[in-house]
Structure formats: C-alpha cells, structure tokens
Amino acid sequence: MPRDWVTIALLAFGIAVGVVGVVAYLRMYRKEKLAESKSSEDASSTDSEADDERKQTKG
C-alpha cells in the first residue's frame, strides 16, 4: 500500500505523455493537410493564369 502513490504518479505520467503525443500528431497532420491544400490551390491558380496568358497571346 505505501507504493500506491508511485503507481498513480506513473499512470498519470503515462496518460499525460499519451495526450501530448496525440495533440502533437494532430497538429502535425493538420499543418500537412493545410499545406497540401494551399499547394494545390497555388498550382490551380498558376495553371489558370498560364491559360489566360496563352489565350491573350493567341488572339
């Protein structure tokens, strides 16, 4: 019984590490997804600008 505080402390530490790990992973995943959507938007806007320039030079 005198070692119950050690068990509780280790359990709380493990839960805290798990929560921090999940939060860090979700932040990384969200940043990656946001960067991916921005790059696809940039690519589509660059493509449409190039198409506009081609149309203007042709006629």
N, C-alpha and C. Protein backbone atom coordinates (compact mmCIF):
# COMPACT_ATOMS: atom_id res chain seq x y z
N MET A 1 0.80 -1.21 0.00
CA MET A 1 0.00 0.00 0.00
C MET A 1 0.84 1.28 0.00
N PRO A 2 2.02 1.29 0.61
CA PRO A 2 2.76 2.55 0.62
C PRO A 2 3.26 2.96 -0.76
N ARG A 3 3.25 2.05 -1.73
CA ARG A 3 3.73 2.39 -3.07
C ARG A 3 2.59 2.78 -4.01
N ASP A 4 1.42 2.97 -3.51
CA ASP A 4 0.29 3.36 -4.36
C ASP A 4 0.53 4.70 -5.04
N TRP A 5 1.19 5.62 -4.38
CA TRP A 5 1.42 6.94 -4.97
C TRP A 5 2.34 6.83 -6.19
N VAL A 6 3.26 5.86 -6.16
CA VAL A 6 4.15 5.66 -7.31
C VAL A 6 3.35 5.16 -8.50
N THR A 7 2.47 4.22 -8.27
CA THR A 7 1.63 3.68 -9.33
C THR A 7 0.75 4.77 -9.92
N ILE A 8 0.15 5.55 -9.06
CA ILE A 8 -0.72 6.64 -9.52
C ILE A 8 0.08 7.68 -10.30
N ALA A 9 1.27 8.01 -9.81
CA ALA A 9 2.11 9.00 -10.49
C ALA A 9 2.54 8.49 -11.87
N LEU A 10 2.95 7.24 -11.97
CA LEU A 10 3.35 6.68 -13.26
C LEU A 10 2.17 6.58 -14.22
N LEU A 11 1.03 6.22 -13.72
CA LEU A 11 -0.16 6.14 -14.55
C LEU A 11 -0.54 7.53 -15.08
N ALA A 12 -0.52 8.52 -14.22
CA ALA A 12 -0.82 9.89 -14.64
C ALA A 12 0.20 10.39 -15.65
N PHE A 13 1.48 10.07 -15.42
CA PHE A 13 2.53 10.47 -16.36
C PHE A 13 2.31 9.82 -17.72
N GLY A 14 1.98 8.54 -17.74
CA GLY A 14 1.74 7.84 -18.99
C GLY A 14 0.56 8.41 -19.75
N ILE A 15 -0.50 8.74 -19.03
CA ILE A 15 -1.67 9.34 -19.68
C ILE A 15 -1.32 10.71 -20.24
N ALA A 16 -0.56 11.50 -19.47
CA ALA A 16 -0.16 12.83 -19.94
C ALA A 16 0.70 12.74 -21.19
N VAL A 17 1.65 11.81 -21.20
CA VAL A 17 2.50 11.63 -22.38
C VAL A 17 1.66 11.21 -23.58
N GLY A 18 0.70 10.34 -23.38
CA GLY A 18 -0.17 9.92 -24.46
C GLY A 18 -0.99 11.06 -25.03
N VAL A 19 -1.55 11.88 -24.15
CA VAL A 19 -2.35 13.03 -24.60
C VAL A 19 -1.48 14.02 -25.37
N VAL A 20 -0.29 14.31 -24.85
CA VAL A 20 0.61 15.24 -25.54
C VAL A 20 1.01 14.68 -26.90
N GLY A 21 1.25 13.39 -26.98
CA GLY A 21 1.60 12.77 -28.25
C GLY A 21 0.48 12.86 -29.27
N VAL A 22 -0.74 12.62 -28.85
CA VAL A 22 -1.88 12.71 -29.77
C VAL A 22 -2.08 14.14 -30.24
N VAL A 23 -1.97 15.10 -29.33
CA VAL A 23 -2.13 16.51 -29.71
C VAL A 23 -1.04 16.92 -30.70
N ALA A 24 0.20 16.51 -30.45
CA ALA A 24 1.30 16.85 -31.37
C ALA A 24 1.07 16.23 -32.74
N TYR A 25 0.61 14.99 -32.78
CA TYR A 25 0.34 14.32 -34.05
C TYR A 25 -0.77 15.03 -34.81
N LEU A 26 -1.84 15.39 -34.12
CA LEU A 26 -2.95 16.06 -34.79
C LEU A 26 -2.55 17.42 -35.32
N ARG A 27 -1.71 18.15 -34.58
CA ARG A 27 -1.23 19.45 -35.08
C ARG A 27 -0.39 19.26 -36.33
N MET A 28 0.48 18.25 -36.33
CA MET A 28 1.32 17.98 -37.49
C MET A 28 0.46 17.57 -38.68
N TYR A 29 -0.53 16.72 -38.45
CA TYR A 29 -1.41 16.26 -39.52
C TYR A 29 -2.20 17.43 -40.11
N ARG A 30 -2.69 18.32 -39.24
CA ARG A 30 -3.46 19.47 -39.71
C ARG A 30 -2.59 20.42 -40.54
N LYS A 31 -1.35 20.66 -40.09
CA LYS A 31 -0.44 21.53 -40.84
C LYS A 31 -0.14 20.93 -42.21
N GLU A 32 0.10 19.63 -42.25
CA GLU A 32 0.41 18.96 -43.51
C GLU A 32 -0.77 19.05 -44.47
N LYS A 33 -1.96 18.83 -43.96
CA LYS A 33 -3.15 18.89 -44.80
C LYS A 33 -3.39 20.32 -45.30
N LEU A 34 -3.16 21.30 -44.44
CA LEU A 34 -3.33 22.69 -44.83
C LEU A 34 -2.31 23.08 -45.90
N ALA A 35 -1.06 22.66 -45.73
CA ALA A 35 -0.03 22.96 -46.71
C ALA A 35 -0.34 22.29 -48.04
N GLU A 36 -0.87 21.08 -47.99
CA GLU A 36 -1.22 20.36 -49.20
C GLU A 36 -2.34 21.07 -49.96
N SER A 37 -3.34 21.56 -49.23
CA SER A 37 -4.44 22.25 -49.89
C SER A 37 -3.99 23.59 -50.46
N LYS A 38 -3.08 24.27 -49.75
CA LYS A 38 -2.56 25.53 -50.28
C LYS A 38 -1.75 25.31 -51.54
N SER A 39 -0.94 24.25 -51.57
CA SER A 39 -0.12 24.00 -52.74
C SER A 39 -0.98 23.62 -53.94
N SER A 40 -2.07 22.91 -53.71
CA SER A 40 -2.96 22.56 -54.82
C SER A 40 -3.70 23.80 -55.31
N GLU A 41 -4.05 24.71 -54.40
CA GLU A 41 -4.68 25.97 -54.81
C GLU A 41 -3.70 26.82 -55.61
N ASP A 42 -2.45 26.87 -55.17
CA ASP A 42 -1.43 27.63 -55.89
C ASP A 42 -1.21 27.04 -57.28
N ALA A 43 -1.18 25.74 -57.37
CA ALA A 43 -0.96 25.08 -58.65
C ALA A 43 -2.13 25.36 -59.58
N SER A 44 -3.35 25.32 -59.07
CA SER A 44 -4.51 25.57 -59.93
C SER A 44 -4.57 27.03 -60.35
N SER A 45 -4.19 27.95 -59.47
CA SER A 45 -4.20 29.36 -59.86
C SER A 45 -3.09 29.64 -60.86
N THR A 46 -1.95 28.99 -60.72
CA THR A 46 -0.86 29.16 -61.67
C THR A 46 -1.26 28.61 -63.02
N ASP A 47 -1.94 27.48 -63.05
CA ASP A 47 -2.39 26.89 -64.30
C ASP A 47 -3.40 27.80 -64.99
N SER A 48 -4.32 28.37 -64.24
CA SER A 48 -5.33 29.23 -64.85
C SER A 48 -4.70 30.53 -65.35
N GLU A 49 -3.70 31.04 -64.65
CA GLU A 49 -3.00 32.24 -65.11
C GLU A 49 -2.25 31.95 -66.40
N ALA A 50 -1.62 30.78 -66.48
CA ALA A 50 -0.90 30.40 -67.69
C ALA A 50 -1.87 30.24 -68.85
N ASP A 51 -3.04 29.66 -68.61
CA ASP A 51 -4.05 29.52 -69.65
C ASP A 51 -4.53 30.89 -70.13
N ASP A 52 -4.72 31.83 -69.21
CA ASP A 52 -5.14 33.18 -69.57
C ASP A 52 -4.09 33.85 -70.45
N GLU A 53 -2.82 33.68 -70.10
CA GLU A 53 -1.75 34.29 -70.89
C GLU A 53 -1.70 33.68 -72.28
N ARG A 54 -1.90 32.38 -72.39
CA ARG A 54 -1.89 31.73 -73.70
C ARG A 54 -3.04 32.25 -74.57
N LYS A 55 -4.21 32.43 -73.96
CA LYS A 55 -5.36 32.92 -74.71
C LYS A 55 -5.12 34.35 -75.19
N GLN A 56 -4.48 35.17 -74.36
CA GLN A 56 -4.23 36.56 -74.73
C GLN A 56 -3.21 36.64 -75.85
N THR A 57 -2.20 35.79 -75.84
CA THR A 57 -1.17 35.86 -76.88
C THR A 57 -1.68 35.30 -78.20
N LYS A 58 -2.62 34.36 -78.17
CA LYS A 58 -3.15 33.78 -79.40
C LYS A 58 -4.15 34.70 -80.08
N GLY A 59 -4.84 35.48 -79.34
CA GLY A 59 -5.77 36.29 -80.06
C GLY A 59 -6.61 37.06 -79.18
